[in-house]
Amino acid sequence: MPSNINISSKINGELTEYVDHLVQGHTSYCQNTVSELLSRGWGVLDIFENLFYPSLVLVGKRWETNELSVAQEHIATCITETLITGLYPKIVQEKRAFSGFKAVVSCIENEHHQVGSKMISYLLELWGLQVLYLGADVPKTDLMILTKTEKPDFILFSITLYANMPIFIQTAKDLTSILPESEIIAGGQAFENMQSRLSLPRNVNIFKTLSNLKSYIESRLEQ
């Protein structure tokens, strides 16, 4: 079935049909949507930013208003992760030459939502970075040991729940104390409705969108 989603889609009616199929577990419909968008010339970033991310935000909003069960939310997440993984051959085919930069992408301790960090890891590889992707709920001690050993240029986090912000702030401070030359970059839904300025080290940058992240990374690689 063809999709009506266009390149400027955000949270609006154009995503409703896709999300309805997503939460019902219609993997084939969702895969066909991705395939159609690729045939229209959408890139990986376009799909991540204009389809996967806003659809999961909409799923989360429906769950918050008790329109969806936890099980349905998990179905949507699992299908989306499957679709992201299915794009990896395209990443390998289109990725830029190695930039010489290394990145660690992780979820902080107690953050179980890993879709955002997985998308970030794929995009960084597409843009020519060496990426170590750690997944969900990484204990801070283990994260500190690995980053101290690997000495990455960038350490990136995607944070969904605002309740995890104190853990992120402390993690950023602890990482800065042992790796002052590494840049810490974070984004995700937790930052969207922030009312106050966070007390963060100077080497921490927050991005609002994946396009913003792309622009920032490209600017750093050109230096």
C-alpha atoms as a PDB file:
ATOM      1  CA  MET A   1       0.000   0.000   0.000  1.00  0.00           C
ATOM      2  CA  PRO A   2       1.471   3.406  -0.936  1.00  0.00           C
ATOM      3  CA  SER A   3       2.274   5.946   1.738  1.00  0.00           C
ATOM      4  CA  ASN A   4       1.172   9.579   1.794  1.00  0.00           C
ATOM      5  CA  ILE A   5       4.049  10.667   4.062  1.00  0.00           C
ATOM      6  CA  ASN A   6       6.053  13.529   2.578  1.00  0.00           C
ATOM      7  CA  ILE A   7       9.559  14.742   3.322  1.00  0.00           C
ATOM      8  CA  SER A   8       8.418  17.466   5.748  1.00  0.00           C
ATOM      9  CA  SER A   9       6.300  15.151   7.914  1.00  0.00           C
ATOM     10  CA  LYS A  10       6.321  15.670  11.646  1.00  0.00           C
ATOM     11  CA  ILE A  11       3.664  14.677  14.171  1.00  0.00           C
ATOM     12  CA  ASN A  12       0.548  15.122  12.055  1.00  0.00           C
ATOM     13  CA  GLY A  13      -2.152  13.225  10.217  1.00  0.00           C
ATOM     14  CA  GLU A  14       0.235  11.937   7.582  1.00  0.00           C
ATOM     15  CA  LEU A  15       1.810   9.634  10.157  1.00  0.00           C
ATOM     16  CA  THR A  16      -1.430   8.399  11.667  1.00  0.00           C
ATOM     17  CA  GLU A  17      -2.004   5.531   9.246  1.00  0.00           C
ATOM     18  CA  TYR A  18       1.596   4.379   9.526  1.00  0.00           C
ATOM     19  CA  VAL A  19       1.447   4.412  13.349  1.00  0.00           C
ATOM     20  CA  ASP A  20      -1.892   2.556  13.309  1.00  0.00           C
ATOM     21  CA  HIS A  21      -0.232  -0.258  11.365  1.00  0.00           C
ATOM     22  CA  LEU A  22       2.912  -0.072  13.492  1.00  0.00           C
ATOM     23  CA  VAL A  23       1.149  -0.684  16.805  1.00  0.00           C
ATOM     24  CA  GLN A  24      -0.903  -3.491  15.273  1.00  0.00           C
ATOM     25  CA  GLY A  25       2.283  -5.331  14.332  1.00  0.00           C
ATOM     26  CA  HIS A  26       1.926  -4.971  10.569  1.00  0.00           C
ATOM     27  CA  THR A  27       5.630  -5.290   9.795  1.00  0.00           C
ATOM     28  CA  SER A  28       5.136  -5.773   6.058  1.00  0.00           C
ATOM     29  CA  TYR A  29       3.174  -2.535   5.744  1.00  0.00           C
ATOM     30  CA  CYS A  30       5.865  -0.630   7.616  1.00  0.00           C
ATOM     31  CA  GLN A  31       8.640  -2.220   5.528  1.00  0.00           C
ATOM     32  CA  ASN A  32       6.768  -1.367   2.332  1.00  0.00           C
ATOM     33  CA  THR A  33       6.513   2.232   3.518  1.00  0.00           C
ATOM     34  CA  VAL A  34      10.269   2.411   4.045  1.00  0.00           C
ATOM     35  CA  SER A  35      10.936   0.807   0.653  1.00  0.00           C
ATOM     36  CA  GLU A  36       8.629   3.274  -1.066  1.00  0.00           C
ATOM     37  CA  LEU A  37      10.275   6.259   0.590  1.00  0.00           C
ATOM     38  CA  LEU A  38      13.701   4.983  -0.458  1.00  0.00           C
ATOM     39  CA  SER A  39      12.449   4.687  -4.022  1.00  0.00           C
ATOM     40  CA  ARG A  40      11.346   8.343  -3.822  1.00  0.00           C
ATOM     41  CA  GLY A  41      14.879   9.385  -2.980  1.00  0.00           C
ATOM     42  CA  TRP A  42      14.682   9.579   0.800  1.00  0.00           C
ATOM     43  CA  GLY A  43      17.989   8.956   2.541  1.00  0.00           C
ATOM     44  CA  VAL A  44      18.626   7.184   5.819  1.00  0.00           C
ATOM     45  CA  LEU A  45      18.622  10.474   7.744  1.00  0.00           C
ATOM     46  CA  ASP A  46      15.284  11.445   6.172  1.00  0.00           C
ATOM     47  CA  ILE A  47      13.690   8.168   7.229  1.00  0.00           C
ATOM     48  CA  PHE A  48      15.110   8.301  10.742  1.00  0.00           C
ATOM     49  CA  GLU A  49      14.137  11.922  11.315  1.00  0.00           C
ATOM     50  CA  ASN A  50      10.821  12.130   9.478  1.00  0.00           C
ATOM     51  CA  LEU A  51       9.375   8.642   9.928  1.00  0.00           C
ATOM     52  CA  PHE A  52      10.898   6.549  12.720  1.00  0.00           C
ATOM     53  CA  TYR A  53      11.450   9.261  15.323  1.00  0.00           C
ATOM     54  CA  PRO A  54       8.091  11.069  15.035  1.00  0.00           C
ATOM     55  CA  SER A  55       6.171   7.801  14.781  1.00  0.00           C
ATOM     56  CA  LEU A  56       7.653   6.578  18.069  1.00  0.00           C
ATOM     57  CA  VAL A  57       6.980   9.942  19.715  1.00  0.00           C
ATOM     58  CA  LEU A  58       3.351   9.572  18.633  1.00  0.00           C
ATOM     59  CA  VAL A  59       3.287   6.021  19.988  1.00  0.00           C
ATOM     60  CA  GLY A  60       4.612   7.345  23.301  1.00  0.00           C
ATOM     61  CA  LYS A  61       1.934  10.041  23.445  1.00  0.00           C
ATOM     62  CA  ARG A  62      -0.782   7.464  22.802  1.00  0.00           C
ATOM     63  CA  TRP A  63       0.630   5.298  25.577  1.00  0.00           C
ATOM     64  CA  GLU A  64       0.679   8.261  27.980  1.00  0.00           C
ATOM     65  CA  THR A  65      -3.042   8.835  27.336  1.00  0.00           C
ATOM     66  CA  ASN A  66      -3.823   5.124  27.807  1.00  0.00           C
ATOM     67  CA  GLU A  67      -4.714   4.629  24.148  1.00  0.00           C
ATOM     68  CA  LEU A  68      -2.052   1.932  23.894  1.00  0.00           C
ATOM     69  CA  SER A  69      -0.832  -0.813  26.187  1.00  0.00           C
ATOM     70  CA  VAL A  70       2.788  -1.433  27.083  1.00  0.00           C
ATOM     71  CA  ALA A  71       2.647  -4.492  24.833  1.00  0.00           C
ATOM     72  CA  GLN A  72       1.571  -2.384  21.840  1.00  0.00           C
ATOM     73  CA  GLU A  73       4.324   0.137  22.547  1.00  0.00           C
ATOM     74  CA  HIS A  74       6.841  -2.720  22.576  1.00  0.00           C
ATOM     75  CA  ILE A  75       5.504  -4.028  19.262  1.00  0.00           C
ATOM     76  CA  ALA A  76       6.076  -0.602  17.693  1.00  0.00           C
ATOM     77  CA  THR A  77       9.580  -0.391  19.122  1.00  0.00           C
ATOM     78  CA  CYS A  78      10.559  -3.892  17.983  1.00  0.00           C
ATOM     79  CA  ILE A  79       9.306  -3.329  14.438  1.00  0.00           C
ATOM     80  CA  THR A  80      11.150  -0.014  14.253  1.00  0.00           C
ATOM     81  CA  GLU A  81      14.391  -1.628  15.422  1.00  0.00           C
ATOM     82  CA  THR A  82      13.938  -4.312  12.759  1.00  0.00           C
ATOM     83  CA  LEU A  83      13.470  -1.646  10.091  1.00  0.00           C
ATOM     84  CA  ILE A  84      16.551   0.265  11.289  1.00  0.00           C
ATOM     85  CA  THR A  85      18.647  -2.906  11.115  1.00  0.00           C
ATOM     86  CA  GLY A  86      17.309  -3.533   7.624  1.00  0.00           C
ATOM     87  CA  LEU A  87      18.882  -0.265   6.483  1.00  0.00           C
ATOM     88  CA  TYR A  88      22.391  -1.321   7.522  1.00  0.00           C
ATOM     89  CA  PRO A  89      23.377  -2.651   4.076  1.00  0.00           C
ATOM     90  CA  LYS A  90      22.564   0.807   2.705  1.00  0.00           C
ATOM     91  CA  ILE A  91      24.808   2.325   5.379  1.00  0.00           C
ATOM     92  CA  VAL A  92      27.683   0.066   4.355  1.00  0.00           C
ATOM     93  CA  GLN A  93      27.144   0.844   0.677  1.00  0.00           C
ATOM     94  CA  GLU A  94      26.945   4.623   1.077  1.00  0.00           C
ATOM     95  CA  LYS A  95      29.174   5.446   4.046  1.00  0.00           C
ATOM     96  CA  ARG A  96      31.963   7.962   3.625  1.00  0.00           C
ATOM     97  CA  ALA A  97      35.646   7.153   3.849  1.00  0.00           C
ATOM     98  CA  PHE A  98      36.928   6.748   7.405  1.00  0.00           C
ATOM     99  CA  SER A  99      37.333  10.185   8.953  1.00  0.00           C
ATOM    100  CA  GLY A 100      39.852   9.151  11.600  1.00  0.00           C
ATOM    101  CA  PHE A 101      37.353   9.924  14.374  1.00  0.00           C
ATOM    102  CA  LYS A 102      35.969   7.445  16.881  1.00  0.00           C
ATOM    103  CA  ALA A 103      32.623   7.609  18.692  1.00  0.00           C
ATOM    104  CA  VAL A 104      31.034   5.679  21.534  1.00  0.00           C
ATOM    105  CA  VAL A 105      27.231   5.646  21.440  1.00  0.00           C
ATOM    106  CA  SER A 106      25.409   4.479  24.522  1.00  0.00           C
ATOM    107  CA  CYS A 107      22.367   4.732  26.731  1.00  0.00           C
ATOM    108  CA  ILE A 108      23.004   5.874  30.263  1.00  0.00           C
ATOM    109  CA  GLU A 109      22.336   3.610  33.192  1.00  0.00           C
ATOM    110  CA  ASN A 110      18.584   3.102  33.696  1.00  0.00           C
ATOM    111  CA  GLU A 111      17.739   4.286  30.146  1.00  0.00           C
ATOM    112  CA  HIS A 112      16.059   1.345  28.426  1.00  0.00           C
ATOM    113  CA  HIS A 113      14.978   3.147  25.247  1.00  0.00           C
ATOM    114  CA  GLN A 114      17.735   2.359  22.753  1.00  0.00           C
ATOM    115  CA  VAL A 115      16.140   3.134  19.370  1.00  0.00           C
ATOM    116  CA  GLY A 116      17.470   6.704  19.349  1.00  0.00           C
ATOM    117  CA  SER A 117      21.013   5.640  20.157  1.00  0.00           C
ATOM    118  CA  LYS A 118      20.877   2.925  17.500  1.00  0.00           C
ATOM    119  CA  MET A 119      19.855   5.464  14.859  1.00  0.00           C
ATOM    120  CA  ILE A 120      22.686   7.753  15.963  1.00  0.00           C
ATOM    121  CA  SER A 121      25.232   4.933  15.733  1.00  0.00           C
ATOM    122  CA  TYR A 122      24.141   4.101  12.179  1.00  0.00           C
ATOM    123  CA  LEU A 123      24.281   7.734  11.098  1.00  0.00           C
ATOM    124  CA  LEU A 124      27.746   8.260  12.537  1.00  0.00           C
ATOM    125  CA  GLU A 125      29.005   5.230  10.653  1.00  0.00           C
ATOM    126  CA  LEU A 126      27.371   6.583   7.495  1.00  0.00           C
ATOM    127  CA  TRP A 127      29.239   9.866   8.034  1.00  0.00           C
ATOM    128  CA  GLY A 128      32.614   8.126   8.247  1.00  0.00           C
ATOM    129  CA  LEU A 129      33.228   7.589  11.967  1.00  0.00           C
ATOM    130  CA  GLN A 130      34.333   4.424  13.721  1.00  0.00           C
ATOM    131  CA  VAL A 131      31.465   3.604  16.088  1.00  0.00           C
ATOM    132  CA  LEU A 132      31.240   1.504  19.227  1.00  0.00           C
ATOM    133  CA  TYR A 133      27.538   1.043  20.003  1.00  0.00           C
ATOM    134  CA  LEU A 134      26.753  -0.169  23.524  1.00  0.00           C
ATOM    135  CA  GLY A 135      22.945  -0.328  23.568  1.00  0.00           C
ATOM    136  CA  ALA A 136      20.564   0.171  26.482  1.00  0.00           C
ATOM    137  CA  ASP A 137      21.101   0.609  30.228  1.00  0.00           C
ATOM    138  CA  VAL A 138      24.896   0.568  30.334  1.00  0.00           C
ATOM    139  CA  PRO A 139      26.269   0.635  33.904  1.00  0.00           C
ATOM    140  CA  LYS A 140      28.248   3.810  34.453  1.00  0.00           C
ATOM    141  CA  THR A 141      31.279   1.954  35.795  1.00  0.00           C
ATOM    142  CA  ASP A 142      31.515  -0.180  32.662  1.00  0.00           C
ATOM    143  CA  LEU A 143      31.009   2.861  30.439  1.00  0.00           C
ATOM    144  CA  MET A 144      33.820   4.676  32.228  1.00  0.00           C
ATOM    145  CA  ILE A 145      36.199   1.725  31.851  1.00  0.00           C
ATOM    146  CA  LEU A 146      35.487   1.309  28.145  1.00  0.00           C
ATOM    147  CA  THR A 147      35.743   4.992  27.257  1.00  0.00           C
ATOM    148  CA  LYS A 148      38.971   5.389  29.227  1.00  0.00           C
ATOM    149  CA  THR A 149      40.425   2.491  27.223  1.00  0.00           C
ATOM    150  CA  GLU A 150      39.098   3.534  23.811  1.00  0.00           C
ATOM    151  CA  LYS A 151      39.574   7.320  24.199  1.00  0.00           C
ATOM    152  CA  PRO A 152      36.845   8.280  21.709  1.00  0.00           C
ATOM    153  CA  ASP A 153      36.620  11.714  20.133  1.00  0.00           C
ATOM    154  CA  PHE A 154      32.865  11.750  20.773  1.00  0.00           C
ATOM    155  CA  ILE A 155      30.617  10.128  23.369  1.00  0.00           C
ATOM    156  CA  LEU A 156      26.951  10.286  22.427  1.00  0.00           C
ATOM    157  CA  PHE A 157      23.752   9.615  24.373  1.00  0.00           C
ATOM    158  CA  SER A 158      20.086   9.538  23.456  1.00  0.00           C
ATOM    159  CA  ILE A 159      17.814  10.112  26.456  1.00  0.00           C
ATOM    160  CA  THR A 160      14.080   9.527  26.300  1.00  0.00           C
ATOM    161  CA  LEU A 161      12.954   9.958  29.903  1.00  0.00           C
ATOM    162  CA  TYR A 162      13.458  13.292  31.646  1.00  0.00           C
ATOM    163  CA  ALA A 163      13.575  11.367  34.945  1.00  0.00           C
ATOM    164  CA  ASN A 164      16.981  10.079  33.836  1.00  0.00           C
ATOM    165  CA  MET A 165      18.449  13.567  33.512  1.00  0.00           C
ATOM    166  CA  PRO A 166      20.233  13.545  36.912  1.00  0.00           C
ATOM    167  CA  ILE A 167      21.977  10.310  35.910  1.00  0.00           C
ATOM    168  CA  PHE A 168      23.039  11.862  32.612  1.00  0.00           C
ATOM    169  CA  ILE A 169      24.387  14.990  34.294  1.00  0.00           C
ATOM    170  CA  GLN A 170      26.478  12.980  36.746  1.00  0.00           C
ATOM    171  CA  THR A 171      27.659  10.636  33.992  1.00  0.00           C
ATOM    172  CA  ALA A 172      28.748  13.606  31.864  1.00  0.00           C
ATOM    173  CA  LYS A 173      30.669  15.106  34.768  1.00  0.00           C
ATOM    174  CA  ASP A 174      32.364  11.805  35.598  1.00  0.00           C
ATOM    175  CA  LEU A 175      33.326  11.201  31.957  1.00  0.00           C
ATOM    176  CA  THR A 176      34.731  14.718  31.676  1.00  0.00           C
ATOM    177  CA  SER A 177      36.903  14.143  34.724  1.00  0.00           C
ATOM    178  CA  ILE A 178      38.695  11.210  33.061  1.00  0.00           C
ATOM    179  CA  LEU A 179      38.393  12.251  29.376  1.00  0.00           C
ATOM    180  CA  PRO A 180      38.482  16.062  29.219  1.00  0.00           C
ATOM    181  CA  GLU A 181      39.382  15.972  25.495  1.00  0.00           C
ATOM    182  CA  SER A 182      36.364  13.894  24.472  1.00  0.00           C
ATOM    183  CA  GLU A 183      33.218  15.710  23.388  1.00  0.00           C
ATOM    184  CA  ILE A 184      29.953  14.567  24.953  1.00  0.00           C
ATOM    185  CA  ILE A 185      26.876  14.969  22.782  1.00  0.00           C
ATOM    186  CA  ALA A 186      23.309  14.224  23.842  1.00  0.00           C
ATOM    187  CA  GLY A 187      19.828  14.506  22.454  1.00  0.00           C
ATOM    188  CA  GLY A 188      16.436  12.866  22.588  1.00  0.00           C
ATOM    189  CA  GLN A 189      12.916  13.494  23.743  1.00  0.00           C
ATOM    190  CA  ALA A 190      13.988  14.248  27.314  1.00  0.00           C
ATOM    191  CA  PHE A 191      15.502  17.550  26.148  1.00  0.00           C
ATOM    192  CA  GLU A 192      12.504  18.788  24.154  1.00  0.00           C
ATOM    193  CA  ASN A 193      10.487  20.301  26.994  1.00  0.00           C
ATOM    194  CA  MET A 194      13.311  21.353  29.268  1.00  0.00           C
ATOM    195  CA  GLN A 195      12.378  24.450  31.246  1.00  0.00           C
ATOM    196  CA  SER A 196      15.694  25.208  32.904  1.00  0.00           C
ATOM    197  CA  ARG A 197      19.334  25.237  31.845  1.00  0.00           C
ATOM    198  CA  LEU A 198      21.297  22.169  32.817  1.00  0.00           C
ATOM    199  CA  SER A 199      24.490  22.420  34.834  1.00  0.00           C
ATOM    200  CA  LEU A 200      26.812  20.610  32.437  1.00  0.00           C
ATOM    201  CA  PRO A 201      30.549  20.634  31.691  1.00  0.00           C
ATOM    202  CA  ARG A 202      31.697  22.859  28.834  1.00  0.00           C
ATOM    203  CA  ASN A 203      32.488  19.908  26.580  1.00  0.00           C
ATOM    204  CA  VAL A 204      28.837  18.798  26.508  1.00  0.00           C
ATOM    205  CA  ASN A 205      26.615  19.737  23.560  1.00  0.00           C
ATOM    206  CA  ILE A 206      22.885  19.128  23.215  1.00  0.00           C
ATOM    207  CA  PHE A 207      21.284  18.614  19.813  1.00  0.00           C
ATOM    208  CA  LYS A 208      17.564  18.986  19.078  1.00  0.00           C
ATOM    209  CA  THR A 209      17.349  17.047  15.808  1.00  0.00           C
ATOM    210  CA  LEU A 210      19.364  14.521  13.854  1.00  0.00           C
ATOM    211  CA  SER A 211      19.902  17.166  11.172  1.00  0.00           C
ATOM    212  CA  ASN A 212      21.431  19.433  13.821  1.00  0.00           C
ATOM    213  CA  LEU A 213      23.687  16.567  14.862  1.00  0.00           C
ATOM    214  CA  LYS A 214      24.762  16.031  11.246  1.00  0.00           C
ATOM    215  CA  SER A 215      25.664  19.696  10.818  1.00  0.00           C
ATOM    216  CA  TYR A 216      27.641  19.723  14.052  1.00  0.00           C
ATOM    217  CA  ILE A 217      29.557  16.522  13.318  1.00  0.00           C
ATOM    218  CA  GLU A 218      30.387  17.697   9.804  1.00  0.00           C
ATOM    219  CA  SER A 219      31.687  20.980  11.151  1.00  0.00           C
ATOM    220  CA  ARG A 220      33.919  19.136  13.618  1.00  0.00           C
ATOM    221  CA  LEU A 221      35.257  16.767  10.967  1.00  0.00           C
ATOM    222  CA  GLU A 222      36.238  19.726   8.783  1.00  0.00           C
ATOM    223  CA  GLN A 223      38.352  21.337  11.501  1.00  0.00           C
END
